Amino acid sequence: MVEIRDNPAELRFEILDEGKLAGFAQYVRRPGRIFFVHTEIDNAFEGRGLGSQLAAGALDATRATGDRVVPLCPFIASYIDRHPEYADLVDHELMAQLEGEA
């Protein structure tokens, strides 16, 4: 059984498979925003779609809070690109500013 949970003490969403930590999506919270900075799936759990489940769970939880998403993590950004139903969560204005600074 797969479980996705927010672990604010560790600043990350976690995905557990049969109770074992399989991966996480690290974040930084600021008022009204969540910056996803890194996503990682343990090698022992790769190839099973857990990264996608983690991304969807983290984005769904973020939608429930009303926060905007700043997808600095390439995996989360790519997931949103492939799943346009999450595009409305992205703070496009801030992303454009950040890209202009790069």
Protein backbone atom coordinates (compact mmCIF):
# COMPACT_ATOMS: atom_id res chain seq x y z
CA MET A 1 0.00 0.00 0.00
CA VAL A 2 1.30 3.46 -0.96
CA GLU A 3 0.86 6.46 1.33
CA ILE A 4 1.73 10.09 0.62
CA ARG A 5 2.09 12.43 3.56
CA ASP A 6 3.33 15.91 4.32
CA ASN A 7 6.19 15.91 6.81
CA PRO A 8 6.55 19.60 7.75
CA ALA A 9 9.29 18.84 10.29
CA GLU A 10 11.46 17.62 7.40
CA LEU A 11 10.06 20.17 4.90
CA ARG A 12 8.97 17.50 2.45
CA PHE A 13 6.18 15.36 1.13
CA GLU A 14 7.01 11.69 1.51
CA ILE A 15 5.83 8.57 -0.27
CA LEU A 16 5.83 5.33 1.67
CA ASP A 17 5.43 1.88 0.18
CA GLU A 18 4.37 -0.77 2.67
CA GLY A 19 5.45 1.62 5.42
CA LYS A 20 8.96 2.14 4.00
CA LEU A 21 10.13 5.56 2.86
CA ALA A 22 10.39 5.31 -0.93
CA GLY A 23 11.01 8.96 -1.77
CA PHE A 24 10.30 12.58 -1.06
CA ALA A 25 9.65 15.99 -2.58
CA GLN A 26 11.57 18.65 -0.65
CA TYR A 27 10.01 22.09 -0.37
CA VAL A 28 10.34 25.55 1.13
CA ARG A 29 7.18 27.31 2.26
CA ARG A 30 6.66 31.04 2.14
CA PRO A 31 3.37 32.84 2.79
CA GLY A 32 0.97 31.74 0.06
CA ARG A 33 3.61 29.74 -1.84
CA ILE A 34 5.37 26.41 -1.80
CA PHE A 35 8.68 26.11 -3.63
CA PHE A 36 9.40 22.53 -4.71
CA VAL A 37 13.18 22.25 -4.83
CA HIS A 38 14.09 18.56 -5.09
CA THR A 39 12.37 15.22 -5.65
CA GLU A 40 14.00 11.87 -5.08
CA ILE A 41 12.89 8.23 -5.30
CA ASP A 42 15.09 5.58 -3.69
CA ASN A 43 16.72 3.32 -6.29
CA ALA A 44 15.05 0.27 -4.75
CA PHE A 45 11.63 1.74 -5.63
CA GLU A 46 12.33 3.17 -9.10
CA GLY A 47 10.36 2.19 -12.18
CA ARG A 48 7.02 1.81 -10.41
CA GLY A 49 5.53 5.25 -10.98
CA LEU A 50 6.03 6.34 -7.39
CA GLY A 51 7.54 9.66 -8.44
CA SER A 52 4.40 10.53 -10.38
CA GLN A 53 2.19 9.44 -7.48
CA LEU A 54 4.26 11.59 -5.14
CA ALA A 55 4.04 14.62 -7.43
CA ALA A 56 0.26 14.26 -7.81
CA GLY A 57 -0.23 13.80 -4.07
CA ALA A 58 1.93 16.80 -3.20
CA LEU A 59 0.18 18.99 -5.77
CA ASP A 60 -3.26 17.84 -4.64
CA ALA A 61 -2.37 18.65 -1.03
CA THR A 62 -1.08 22.05 -2.11
CA ARG A 63 -4.29 22.74 -4.01
CA ALA A 64 -6.22 22.03 -0.80
CA THR A 65 -4.24 24.74 1.05
CA GLY A 66 -4.77 27.35 -1.66
CA ASP A 67 -1.03 27.99 -1.94
CA ARG A 68 0.67 28.73 -5.26
CA VAL A 69 3.36 26.38 -6.56
CA VAL A 70 6.85 27.43 -7.62
CA PRO A 71 8.26 24.31 -9.32
CA LEU A 72 12.03 24.81 -9.12
CA CYS A 73 12.53 21.04 -9.09
CA PRO A 74 12.82 19.77 -12.69
CA PHE A 75 10.78 16.64 -11.90
CA ILE A 76 7.83 18.58 -10.47
CA ALA A 77 8.02 21.12 -13.31
CA SER A 78 8.02 18.33 -15.89
CA TYR A 79 5.12 16.58 -14.16
CA ILE A 80 3.06 19.78 -14.30
CA ASP A 81 3.93 20.21 -18.00
CA ARG A 82 2.64 16.68 -18.68
CA HIS A 83 -0.47 17.16 -16.50
CA PRO A 84 -2.01 20.53 -17.40
CA GLU A 85 -4.72 20.09 -14.78
CA TYR A 86 -2.09 21.34 -12.31
CA ALA A 87 -0.96 24.37 -14.35
CA ASP A 88 -3.36 26.66 -12.51
CA LEU A 89 -1.39 26.07 -9.29
CA VAL A 90 1.83 27.53 -10.70
CA ASP A 91 2.80 31.08 -9.79
CA HIS A 92 3.62 31.93 -13.42
CA GLU A 93 4.43 35.55 -12.62
CA LEU A 94 7.10 34.60 -10.08
CA MET A 95 8.45 31.88 -12.39
CA ALA A 96 8.84 34.46 -15.18
CA GLN A 97 10.72 36.77 -12.80
CA LEU A 98 13.01 33.95 -11.70
CA GLU A 99 13.69 32.91 -15.28
CA GLY A 100 14.50 36.52 -16.15
CA GLU A 101 17.13 36.57 -13.42
CA ALA A 102 18.84 33.40 -14.65
